[in-house]
Amino acid sequence: MKNSLRLATAAIAMAALLSACGDDAPSEPTETTSAPTPSATETPSDFSTDDVSEESEDFGQLVAVRVGAHPGFDRVVLEFSESVPGYTVKYVELPVLADGSGEPIDLPDAETAVQIVLTPSSGFDMEAGEETYTGPNTVTNDKTSEITGVVSAGDFEAVLSWAVGLRNEVPFKVTTLDNPARLVVDFQTD
């Protein structure tokens, strides 16, 4: 009798515990809605001309820089071997000056510029004694409508800088992606 009572008590306790945990299965949506598509004159809420900054202690070892054209935006991608470092992305006055030397950076056809400053970061691995970024110092794409070019502005004492030449001051959006680690800056074109 004691065993039956214990089993019954255990069964009730288990049922109560399971019901308190809820159902982990995804619920079915009751209504489907879609966000309105912004017109060419509207600025999506996630695009802005405001400075964007994020701090991080993760060291970003730069391995690639790419520029692409997409419907509605031009894109700059900075790829890192393991982690995206801290960053600041902001509009700056022309001419953009190189870190360290203070020399003006050539940004052909640019009417304005955005500077991307990454810290702690480098395109050189001090431990291995070799470059991790072996690409060009100027990255362009003939298909972009706003970006005129992306130019290395410095790599010194764990501060890495790139300047993005633009034809117009347009809103931008900054995101980070994993696998591989990337900092992505999209510039609105429509």
Protein backbone atom coordinates (compact mmCIF):
# COMPACT_ATOMS: atom_id res chain seq x y z
CA MET A 1 0.00 0.00 0.00
CA LYS A 2 2.83 2.36 0.88
CA ASN A 3 4.46 1.69 -2.52
CA SER A 4 1.19 2.44 -4.37
CA LEU A 5 0.78 5.66 -2.41
CA ARG A 6 4.37 6.68 -3.18
CA LEU A 7 3.93 5.89 -6.88
CA ALA A 8 0.67 7.86 -7.02
CA THR A 9 2.28 10.83 -5.19
CA ALA A 10 5.30 10.71 -7.53
CA ALA A 11 3.03 10.59 -10.59
CA ILE A 12 1.04 13.62 -9.38
CA ALA A 13 4.23 15.54 -8.60
CA MET A 14 5.67 14.71 -12.04
CA ALA A 15 2.46 15.82 -13.77
CA ALA A 16 2.48 19.10 -11.83
CA LEU A 17 6.13 19.68 -12.69
CA LEU A 18 5.60 19.00 -16.38
CA SER A 19 2.58 21.27 -16.60
CA ALA A 20 4.52 24.08 -14.89
CA CYS A 21 7.31 23.80 -17.46
CA GLY A 22 5.00 24.52 -20.36
CA ASP A 23 5.20 23.26 -23.89
CA ASP A 24 8.53 23.75 -25.66
CA ALA A 25 6.95 23.17 -29.05
CA PRO A 26 6.66 26.30 -31.16
CA SER A 27 3.20 27.79 -31.17
CA GLU A 28 1.32 28.25 -34.41
CA PRO A 29 0.94 31.88 -35.43
CA THR A 30 -2.62 33.10 -35.32
CA GLU A 31 -2.10 35.85 -37.85
CA THR A 32 0.52 36.55 -40.50
CA THR A 33 1.55 40.12 -41.17
CA SER A 34 4.34 41.65 -43.16
CA ALA A 35 6.14 44.90 -42.61
CA PRO A 36 5.47 47.55 -45.21
CA THR A 37 8.21 47.98 -47.78
CA PRO A 38 9.70 51.46 -47.56
CA SER A 39 9.37 53.62 -50.64
CA ALA A 40 12.40 55.22 -52.26
CA THR A 41 11.80 58.43 -50.27
CA GLU A 42 11.44 56.73 -46.86
CA THR A 43 14.39 55.79 -44.70
CA PRO A 44 14.00 52.42 -42.99
CA SER A 45 14.21 52.80 -39.22
CA ASP A 46 17.42 50.77 -38.95
CA PHE A 47 19.32 53.06 -41.37
CA SER A 48 20.68 56.35 -40.00
CA THR A 49 23.50 58.87 -40.38
CA ASP A 50 24.21 58.74 -36.61
CA ASP A 51 27.52 57.39 -35.26
CA VAL A 52 27.44 53.70 -34.31
CA SER A 53 29.81 52.32 -31.66
CA GLU A 54 30.23 49.01 -29.88
CA GLU A 55 32.97 48.16 -27.39
CA SER A 56 34.59 44.75 -27.20
CA GLU A 57 37.67 43.22 -25.65
CA ASP A 58 37.75 40.55 -28.39
CA PHE A 59 40.73 41.01 -30.70
CA GLY A 60 39.73 41.18 -34.38
CA GLN A 61 42.32 39.74 -36.74
CA LEU A 62 41.34 41.17 -40.16
CA VAL A 63 41.47 38.67 -43.03
CA ALA A 64 39.33 40.19 -45.83
CA VAL A 65 37.62 43.37 -47.02
CA ARG A 66 34.86 43.27 -49.63
CA VAL A 67 32.57 45.80 -51.32
CA GLY A 68 29.31 44.83 -53.02
CA ALA A 69 26.22 46.27 -54.68
CA HIS A 70 22.77 44.99 -53.73
CA PRO A 71 19.22 46.16 -54.50
CA GLY A 72 18.66 49.15 -52.21
CA PHE A 73 22.14 49.30 -50.65
CA ASP A 74 25.90 49.11 -51.15
CA ARG A 75 27.78 46.94 -48.67
CA VAL A 76 31.21 46.94 -47.01
CA VAL A 77 32.26 43.71 -45.28
CA LEU A 78 35.27 43.42 -42.98
CA GLU A 79 35.95 39.76 -42.15
CA PHE A 80 37.91 38.59 -39.11
CA SER A 81 39.52 35.24 -38.31
CA GLU A 82 37.69 34.67 -35.01
CA SER A 83 35.92 37.68 -33.48
CA VAL A 84 34.57 41.08 -34.45
CA PRO A 85 36.41 43.72 -32.39
CA GLY A 86 34.95 46.89 -30.96
CA TYR A 87 34.08 49.47 -33.62
CA THR A 88 33.02 53.01 -34.36
CA VAL A 89 31.39 53.88 -37.69
CA LYS A 90 30.77 57.55 -38.39
CA TYR A 91 30.75 60.31 -40.98
CA VAL A 92 33.93 62.41 -41.02
CA GLU A 93 35.01 65.50 -42.92
CA LEU A 94 37.15 65.24 -46.04
CA PRO A 95 40.00 64.78 -46.36
CA VAL A 96 40.24 61.69 -44.17
CA LEU A 97 43.66 61.60 -42.55
CA ALA A 98 45.79 58.48 -42.19
CA ASP A 99 46.39 57.30 -38.63
CA GLY A 100 49.91 58.04 -37.50
CA SER A 101 51.15 60.12 -40.43
CA GLY A 102 48.21 62.52 -40.66
CA GLU A 103 48.56 62.47 -44.43
CA PRO A 104 45.33 62.90 -46.45
CA ILE A 105 43.89 59.68 -47.89
CA ASP A 106 42.97 59.68 -51.56
CA LEU A 107 39.24 58.89 -52.01
CA PRO A 108 38.60 59.58 -55.73
CA ASP A 109 35.10 60.84 -56.62
CA ALA A 110 34.05 60.97 -52.94
CA GLU A 111 31.98 63.91 -51.74
CA THR A 112 31.89 62.61 -48.15
CA ALA A 113 33.31 59.75 -46.11
CA VAL A 114 32.56 57.32 -43.33
CA GLN A 115 35.41 56.15 -41.13
CA ILE A 116 35.41 52.66 -39.61
CA VAL A 117 37.70 52.37 -36.58
CA LEU A 118 38.22 48.88 -35.11
CA THR A 119 39.83 48.21 -31.75
CA PRO A 120 41.48 46.03 -30.64
CA SER A 121 42.26 44.91 -34.16
CA SER A 122 44.99 44.46 -36.76
CA GLY A 123 45.71 42.98 -40.14
CA PHE A 124 49.03 41.70 -38.79
CA ASP A 125 49.47 38.78 -36.40
CA MET A 126 52.25 39.80 -33.99
CA GLU A 127 52.64 36.29 -32.56
CA ALA A 128 53.04 34.63 -35.95
CA GLY A 129 54.93 37.60 -37.41
CA GLU A 130 52.81 37.67 -40.56
CA GLU A 131 50.05 39.61 -42.24
CA THR A 132 46.54 38.21 -41.90
CA TYR A 133 45.07 40.76 -44.31
CA THR A 134 46.92 40.42 -47.60
CA GLY A 135 44.37 42.17 -49.81
CA PRO A 136 44.66 45.57 -51.44
CA ASN A 137 44.74 48.83 -49.48
CA THR A 138 41.98 50.17 -51.74
CA VAL A 139 38.90 48.02 -52.39
CA THR A 140 36.38 49.04 -55.06
CA ASN A 141 33.46 47.62 -57.02
CA ASP A 142 32.34 49.13 -60.33
CA LYS A 143 28.72 48.22 -59.58
CA THR A 144 28.27 50.29 -56.40
CA SER A 145 26.21 53.44 -56.76
CA GLU A 146 27.19 55.28 -53.55
CA ILE A 147 30.54 53.76 -52.49
CA THR A 148 33.49 55.11 -54.49
CA GLY A 149 36.07 53.03 -52.65
CA VAL A 150 37.20 51.68 -49.28
CA VAL A 151 40.76 52.63 -48.31
CA SER A 152 43.00 51.50 -45.46
CA ALA A 153 43.56 54.46 -43.12
CA GLY A 154 45.86 52.83 -40.58
CA ASP A 155 46.90 49.77 -38.61
CA PHE A 156 48.86 50.73 -35.52
CA GLU A 157 48.88 49.67 -31.86
CA ALA A 158 45.73 47.50 -32.16
CA VAL A 159 43.73 50.26 -33.87
CA LEU A 160 42.67 49.48 -37.44
CA SER A 161 40.99 52.15 -39.61
CA TRP A 162 39.30 52.14 -43.00
CA ALA A 163 37.74 55.07 -44.87
CA VAL A 164 34.67 54.62 -47.07
CA GLY A 165 34.37 57.20 -49.85
CA LEU A 166 30.77 58.05 -50.76
CA ARG A 167 29.13 60.10 -53.50
CA ASN A 168 26.44 61.39 -51.08
CA GLU A 169 25.76 61.41 -47.36
CA VAL A 170 23.32 58.52 -47.12
CA PRO A 171 21.95 56.60 -44.14
CA PHE A 172 23.85 53.47 -43.14
CA LYS A 173 23.26 50.40 -41.00
CA VAL A 174 25.87 48.38 -39.06
CA THR A 175 25.51 44.68 -38.25
CA THR A 176 27.80 41.88 -37.11
CA LEU A 177 27.66 38.31 -38.38
CA ASP A 178 29.20 35.01 -37.24
CA ASN A 179 30.77 32.04 -39.04
CA PRO A 180 32.87 33.77 -40.27
CA ALA A 181 33.04 36.83 -37.98
CA ARG A 182 32.14 39.94 -39.99
CA LEU A 183 31.37 43.61 -39.52
CA VAL A 184 28.89 44.71 -42.20
CA VAL A 185 28.08 48.32 -43.10
CA ASP A 186 25.24 48.86 -45.57
CA PHE A 187 24.75 52.24 -47.27
CA GLN A 188 21.26 53.00 -48.53
CA THR A 189 21.05 53.62 -52.29
CA ASP A 190 17.29 54.04 -52.85
